[in-house]
Protein backbone atom coordinates (compact mmCIF):
# COMPACT_ATOMS: atom_id res chain seq x y z
CA MET A 1 51.01 342.79 108.53
CA ALA A 2 48.58 343.24 111.56
CA LYS A 3 45.74 344.48 109.02
CA LEU A 4 46.16 341.46 107.20
CA LEU A 5 46.05 338.96 110.11
CA LEU A 6 43.02 340.65 111.87
CA PRO A 7 40.44 339.49 109.72
CA LEU A 8 41.78 335.77 110.04
CA PHE A 9 42.20 336.13 113.81
CA LEU A 10 38.51 337.32 113.98
CA LEU A 11 37.47 334.48 111.86
CA LEU A 12 39.45 331.74 113.85
CA CYS A 13 38.59 333.43 117.17
CA PRO A 14 34.99 334.68 117.10
CA ASP A 15 34.18 333.79 120.62
CA LEU A 16 36.59 336.41 121.71
CA TYR A 17 34.36 339.29 120.59
CA ALA A 18 30.87 340.11 122.38
CA VAL A 19 27.82 339.98 120.22
CA ASN A 20 25.56 343.03 120.82
CA LEU A 21 21.78 342.59 120.49
CA LYS A 22 19.08 345.69 120.48
CA ILE A 23 15.48 344.34 121.24
CA GLY A 24 12.46 346.40 121.07
CA VAL A 25 9.45 345.56 123.37
CA LEU A 26 6.05 347.16 124.22
CA ALA A 27 5.97 346.27 127.81
CA PRO A 28 7.05 349.14 130.25
CA GLU A 29 9.74 348.83 132.90
CA GLY A 30 8.64 348.41 136.34
CA THR A 31 6.19 345.16 135.67
CA SER A 32 6.97 342.00 136.72
CA TRP A 33 7.40 340.96 132.96
CA ALA A 34 10.26 343.45 132.53
CA GLN A 35 11.95 342.38 135.89
CA ASN A 36 12.01 338.67 134.50
CA ILE A 37 13.51 339.98 131.28
CA LYS A 38 16.21 342.05 133.02
CA LYS A 39 17.10 338.84 135.13
CA MET A 40 17.29 336.96 131.74
CA VAL A 41 19.43 339.50 130.12
CA LYS A 42 21.93 339.40 133.07
CA GLU A 43 22.15 335.60 133.24
CA ILE A 44 22.67 335.46 129.49
CA LYS A 45 25.56 337.99 129.93
CA THR A 46 26.96 336.11 132.70
CA LYS A 47 26.68 332.30 131.34
CA THR A 48 28.11 333.50 127.89
CA ASP A 49 31.20 335.07 129.65
CA ASN A 50 30.00 338.65 128.49
CA LYS A 51 29.94 337.50 124.82
CA VAL A 52 26.30 337.88 124.43
CA ASN A 53 24.72 341.23 125.43
CA LEU A 54 21.06 342.25 124.95
CA LYS A 55 20.13 345.76 125.09
CA ILE A 56 16.22 345.76 125.80
CA PHE A 57 14.13 349.16 124.67
CA TYR A 58 11.02 348.87 126.99
CA GLY A 59 7.73 350.61 126.93
CA ALA A 60 7.89 351.13 122.96
CA THR A 61 10.83 353.40 123.06
CA ALA A 62 12.02 351.71 119.95
CA GLY A 63 8.55 352.21 118.38
CA ASP A 64 5.39 350.10 118.49
CA GLU A 65 5.64 346.53 117.14
CA PRO A 66 5.12 347.26 113.53
CA VAL A 67 8.17 349.85 113.72
CA VAL A 68 10.27 347.44 115.71
CA LEU A 69 9.71 345.02 112.76
CA ARG A 70 10.68 347.18 110.11
CA LYS A 71 13.79 348.33 112.32
CA ILE A 72 14.74 344.71 112.38
CA ARG A 73 14.56 344.16 108.81
CA ILE A 74 16.75 347.01 107.88
CA GLY A 75 19.17 346.22 110.72
CA GLN A 76 18.63 348.78 113.40
CA LEU A 77 17.44 346.36 115.77
CA GLN A 78 18.11 342.49 115.92
CA GLY A 79 15.14 341.17 117.60
CA GLY A 80 11.72 342.03 119.47
CA ILE A 81 9.32 340.60 121.96
CA PHE A 82 6.03 340.63 120.11
CA THR A 83 2.24 339.90 120.63
CA GLY A 84 0.15 337.74 118.25
CA LYS A 85 -0.60 340.36 115.61
CA THR A 86 2.98 341.07 114.82
CA LEU A 87 3.89 337.41 115.12
CA GLY A 88 1.20 337.03 112.27
CA ASP A 89 2.67 339.60 110.13
CA ILE A 90 5.79 337.30 110.01
CA ASN A 91 4.16 333.93 110.12
CA GLY A 92 0.27 333.80 109.83
CA ASP A 93 0.29 330.32 110.95
CA VAL A 94 0.51 331.59 114.62
CA ARG A 95 -2.74 333.28 114.28
CA VAL A 96 -4.72 329.80 114.33
CA ILE A 97 -3.96 330.02 118.20
CA GLU A 98 -5.88 333.38 118.38
CA ILE A 99 -9.13 332.24 116.53
CA PRO A 100 -11.86 333.92 118.63
CA PHE A 101 -14.28 331.86 120.83
CA THR A 102 -12.06 328.56 120.76
CA PHE A 103 -10.98 328.07 124.53
CA GLY A 104 -13.25 329.90 126.83
CA HIS A 105 -11.77 330.23 130.15
CA ASP A 106 -9.70 327.11 129.82
CA ARG A 107 -6.12 328.69 129.39
CA LYS A 108 -4.32 325.30 130.20
CA LYS A 109 -5.92 323.73 127.19
CA ALA A 110 -4.79 326.77 125.05
CA TRP A 111 -1.09 326.35 126.30
CA SER A 112 -1.37 322.64 125.33
CA ILE A 113 -2.02 323.74 121.82
CA VAL A 114 0.80 326.30 121.80
CA GLU A 115 3.45 323.46 123.01
CA HIS A 116 2.03 321.14 120.44
CA LEU A 117 2.21 323.53 117.60
CA THR A 118 5.78 325.17 118.56
CA PRO A 119 7.93 322.96 116.44
CA ASN A 120 5.89 323.60 112.92
CA LEU A 121 5.67 327.25 113.98
CA ASN A 122 9.25 327.70 114.53
CA LYS A 123 10.15 325.94 111.23
CA GLU A 124 7.77 328.60 109.42
CA PHE A 125 9.48 331.67 111.42
CA LYS A 126 12.85 330.32 110.34
CA LYS A 127 11.78 330.35 106.70
CA SER A 128 10.51 334.08 107.28
CA GLY A 129 14.00 335.13 108.52
CA PHE A 130 13.41 334.78 112.41
CA GLU A 131 14.71 332.35 115.19
CA ASN A 132 11.99 331.79 117.74
CA LEU A 133 13.38 331.84 121.11
CA GLY A 134 10.27 330.85 122.96
CA PHE A 135 6.53 331.51 123.16
CA TYR A 136 4.77 333.00 126.45
CA GLU A 137 1.34 333.48 127.46
CA ILE A 138 -0.14 336.89 127.38
CA GLY A 139 -3.43 335.51 128.49
CA HIS A 140 -7.28 335.60 127.81
CA VAL A 141 -8.49 338.70 125.97
CA TYR A 142 -11.44 340.71 127.20
CA LEU A 143 -13.85 343.35 125.98
CA VAL A 144 -14.07 346.58 127.70
CA SER A 145 -16.67 349.30 127.19
CA LYS A 146 -17.75 352.90 128.03
CA LYS A 147 -20.95 352.05 126.99
CA LYS A 148 -23.45 349.57 128.51
CA ILE A 149 -23.28 345.91 127.02
CA GLN A 150 -25.85 343.44 127.64
CA ASN A 151 -26.05 341.06 124.62
CA ILE A 152 -24.45 340.71 121.18
CA ASN A 153 -27.23 343.17 119.65
CA SER A 154 -25.97 345.74 122.00
CA LEU A 155 -22.61 345.97 120.60
CA LYS A 156 -23.70 347.12 117.21
CA GLY A 157 -23.06 350.83 116.88
CA ILE A 158 -20.43 350.97 119.47
CA LYS A 159 -17.00 352.02 118.27
CA ILE A 160 -14.59 349.35 118.91
CA TRP A 161 -10.92 349.68 118.64
CA SER A 162 -9.15 347.23 116.43
CA TRP A 163 -5.36 347.18 116.27
CA GLU A 164 -4.42 348.87 113.13
CA GLY A 165 -3.65 346.27 110.40
CA ASP A 166 -4.91 343.24 112.07
CA PRO A 167 -6.81 341.03 109.66
CA LEU A 168 -8.01 338.44 112.22
CA VAL A 169 -9.69 341.20 114.23
CA GLN A 170 -11.10 343.00 111.11
CA GLU A 171 -12.44 339.66 109.90
CA LEU A 172 -14.37 339.18 113.35
CA ILE A 173 -15.82 342.85 113.01
CA SER A 174 -17.10 342.10 109.56
CA ILE A 175 -18.96 338.84 110.26
CA MET A 176 -20.39 340.50 113.41
CA LYS A 177 -21.32 343.68 111.68
CA LEU A 178 -19.65 345.75 114.18
CA VAL A 179 -17.93 349.16 114.01
CA SER A 180 -14.19 349.04 113.91
CA ILE A 181 -11.80 352.08 114.62
CA PRO A 182 -8.37 350.97 113.77
CA LEU A 183 -5.46 352.58 115.69
CA PRO A 184 -2.12 351.93 116.97
CA LEU A 185 -2.00 350.65 120.57
CA PRO A 186 -0.39 353.63 122.08
CA ASP A 187 -3.39 355.62 120.94
CA VAL A 188 -6.07 353.69 122.53
CA LEU A 189 -6.00 355.52 125.96
CA THR A 190 -6.24 358.93 124.45
CA SER A 191 -8.97 357.76 122.04
CA LEU A 192 -11.12 356.28 124.93
CA SER A 193 -10.84 359.66 126.61
CA THR A 194 -11.90 361.57 123.63
CA GLU A 195 -14.61 358.97 122.59
CA ILE A 196 -13.03 358.29 119.27
CA ILE A 197 -13.51 354.76 120.41
CA GLU A 198 -16.19 353.36 123.08
CA ALA A 199 -14.74 350.10 123.39
CA ALA A 200 -11.22 348.07 123.25
CA TYR A 201 -10.06 344.54 124.04
CA SER A 202 -7.12 343.30 125.97
CA PRO A 203 -5.85 340.86 128.73
CA PRO A 204 -6.59 342.08 132.39
CA LEU A 205 -3.10 343.00 133.35
CA ALA A 206 -2.78 345.09 130.14
CA ILE A 207 -5.88 346.94 130.63
CA ILE A 208 -4.66 348.08 134.18
CA ALA A 209 -0.96 348.72 133.05
CA LEU A 210 -2.31 350.72 129.91
CA GLN A 211 -4.84 352.50 132.39
CA TRP A 212 -7.82 351.67 130.19
CA ASN A 213 -9.55 350.70 133.38
CA THR A 214 -9.73 354.39 134.28
CA LYS A 215 -12.19 355.07 130.93
CA VAL A 216 -14.40 351.91 130.93
CA LYS A 217 -17.36 350.92 133.02
CA TYR A 218 -18.24 347.51 131.62
CA LEU A 219 -16.40 344.16 130.91
CA LEU A 220 -17.77 341.12 129.06
CA ASP A 221 -16.93 338.27 131.45
CA TYR A 222 -16.19 335.98 128.69
CA PRO A 223 -12.65 335.66 126.95
CA ILE A 224 -12.87 336.71 123.37
CA THR A 225 -9.71 334.87 122.65
CA TYR A 226 -6.46 333.76 124.08
CA SER A 227 -3.30 335.89 123.15
CA ILE A 228 0.57 334.88 123.22
CA GLY A 229 3.82 336.40 122.44
CA ALA A 230 7.27 335.27 121.38
CA PHE A 231 10.89 336.48 121.48
CA LEU A 232 12.24 336.72 118.16
CA LEU A 233 15.69 337.43 116.73
CA SER A 234 16.63 337.73 113.16
CA ASN A 235 18.33 334.90 111.37
CA LYS A 236 21.09 337.19 110.86
CA ALA A 237 21.54 338.02 114.49
CA TRP A 238 21.23 334.37 115.70
CA SER A 239 23.91 333.23 113.48
CA LYS A 240 26.36 335.91 114.98
CA ILE A 241 26.00 334.31 118.29
CA PRO A 242 28.55 331.83 118.61
CA SER A 243 27.27 328.21 118.07
CA SER A 244 28.91 327.20 121.62
CA TYR A 245 26.50 329.69 123.48
CA ARG A 246 23.28 329.37 121.27
CA GLN A 247 21.98 326.56 123.35
CA VAL A 248 22.89 328.64 126.61
CA VAL A 249 20.90 331.57 125.30
CA ARG A 250 17.78 329.24 124.31
CA SER A 251 17.81 327.56 127.59
CA ILE A 252 18.08 330.95 129.56
CA THR A 253 15.37 332.45 127.48
CA THR A 254 12.96 329.46 127.82
CA LYS A 255 13.29 329.36 131.64
CA TYR A 256 12.54 333.18 131.88
CA LEU A 257 9.58 332.98 129.34
CA ASN A 258 8.08 330.13 131.13
CA LYS A 259 8.22 332.42 134.55
CA ILE A 260 6.63 335.13 132.37
CA THR A 261 3.86 332.78 131.62
CA GLU A 262 3.33 331.68 135.04
CA ALA A 263 3.38 335.30 136.43
CA ASN A 264 1.03 336.61 133.67
CA ALA A 265 -1.35 334.02 134.48
CA GLN A 266 -1.63 334.92 138.39
CA GLU A 267 -1.50 338.33 137.45
CA ASN A 268 -4.48 338.41 135.02
CA ILE A 269 -6.53 336.75 137.74
CA ASP A 270 -5.55 339.46 140.20
CA ALA A 271 -6.07 342.26 137.58
CA LEU A 272 -9.73 340.87 137.10
CA ASN A 273 -10.31 341.13 140.84
CA VAL A 274 -8.78 344.81 140.87
CA LEU A 275 -11.14 345.78 138.17
CA LYS A 276 -14.13 344.20 139.91
CA GLY A 277 -13.15 346.17 142.95
CA GLN A 278 -13.05 349.36 140.77
CA GLU A 279 -16.69 348.93 140.17
CA ILE A 280 -16.36 347.96 136.66
CA LYS A 281 -19.56 345.91 136.00
CA PHE A 282 -19.15 342.33 134.73
CA ILE A 283 -21.47 341.50 132.23
CA GLN A 284 -22.76 338.02 131.02
CA PHE A 285 -24.33 337.66 127.84
CA PRO A 286 -27.53 335.29 127.39
CA GLU A 287 -26.42 331.72 126.66
CA THR A 288 -27.88 331.95 123.22
CA ASP A 289 -25.09 334.55 122.50
CA TYR A 290 -22.36 332.45 123.36
CA GLN A 291 -23.70 329.74 121.11
CA GLN A 292 -23.89 332.47 118.11
CA PHE A 293 -19.96 332.95 119.23
CA GLY A 294 -19.39 329.40 117.92
CA THR A 295 -21.01 330.24 114.46
CA PHE A 296 -19.00 333.23 114.14
CA ARG A 297 -15.69 331.22 114.89
CA LEU A 298 -16.66 328.66 112.20
CA LYS A 299 -17.46 331.46 109.58
CA MET A 300 -13.97 333.24 110.49
CA ILE A 301 -12.34 329.74 110.04
CA ASN A 302 -13.91 329.22 106.56
CA ASN A 303 -12.77 332.77 105.39
CA LEU A 304 -9.21 332.71 106.73
CA LYS A 305 -8.18 329.14 106.25
CA GLY A 306 -5.58 329.14 103.49
CA LYS A 307 -5.29 332.99 103.41
CA ILE A 308 -4.07 334.01 106.99
CA PHE A 309 -3.11 330.66 108.17
CA SER A 310 -2.61 327.49 106.01
CA ALA A 311 -5.04 324.56 106.06
CA GLU A 312 -2.25 322.20 107.21
CA ILE A 313 -1.58 324.10 110.49
CA TYR A 314 -5.31 324.60 110.88
CA ASN A 315 -6.06 320.71 110.78
CA ASN A 316 -3.10 320.26 112.93
CA PHE A 317 -4.54 322.66 115.67
CA GLN A 318 -7.94 321.11 115.28
CA ASN A 319 -7.04 317.75 115.69
CA LYS A 320 -5.05 318.54 118.70
CA LEU A 321 -7.83 320.28 120.08
CA ASN A 322 -10.38 317.56 119.52
CA THR A 323 -8.17 315.21 121.77
CA LEU A 324 -8.03 317.68 124.77
């Protein structure tokens, strides 16, 4: 009789049993980013009466982002905190935000676009099997190099890392006629050391956290793009969270992702100052080169619209951009 009643009991009383969610992330422990995530995990556990528990695998211990995504799809993990490239693998519309040479140094304008597009992007995530618990800012992305760079022409022939499988970067490399070496992110530091690659790109905070600053000598003092991340759970995992706790979980994640955005903005500024103090030379290209960046941007949009991201989301993006 007990065996017969147990399934019915579980069905009628789901809130009595905890939901355990395993989450993979790239960021290592010891960072302010990780500290905020740990506070988020603790608060979720407390305010859901220990019914929703998150176990975070920091520092790519569950694999880099493509591996984490595969593990979610086969049920070994329930979620991940991803950067733009992997978000784009799930929902290509996200990549409109990372179209190169759009925002310059204006992060407030960039974040306004993120907030504006979030409802539309979340619908597409859900269609693709994921619940987005919130975006956060990673920051402006800068090019760093072992070899001297002084203008666009000086980039030609330099072996530039590109994140393996990133179609946005590959398109830019193709249009600018540069040399690209696709590699997984964890291989970049070693490849800079051995000169398999001679240049890479990342927000300043990550350049230091990943120790690339120990291998490079130059930084182009103009952001290539603006990068975001998001905290995704599979739809299946989200559905296992009792409905009475879903808004609690969403509210807490939103609060801490906002804290991460604020912290990243300041820490990227601090990181740029650290890089300057390490005698990395900050390079300004001629004004005519920055104008040429705009031409590259338009070519990318024409080539990628309707392929990586939809024409609809791009038009929404551009209309909002025109008002800011």
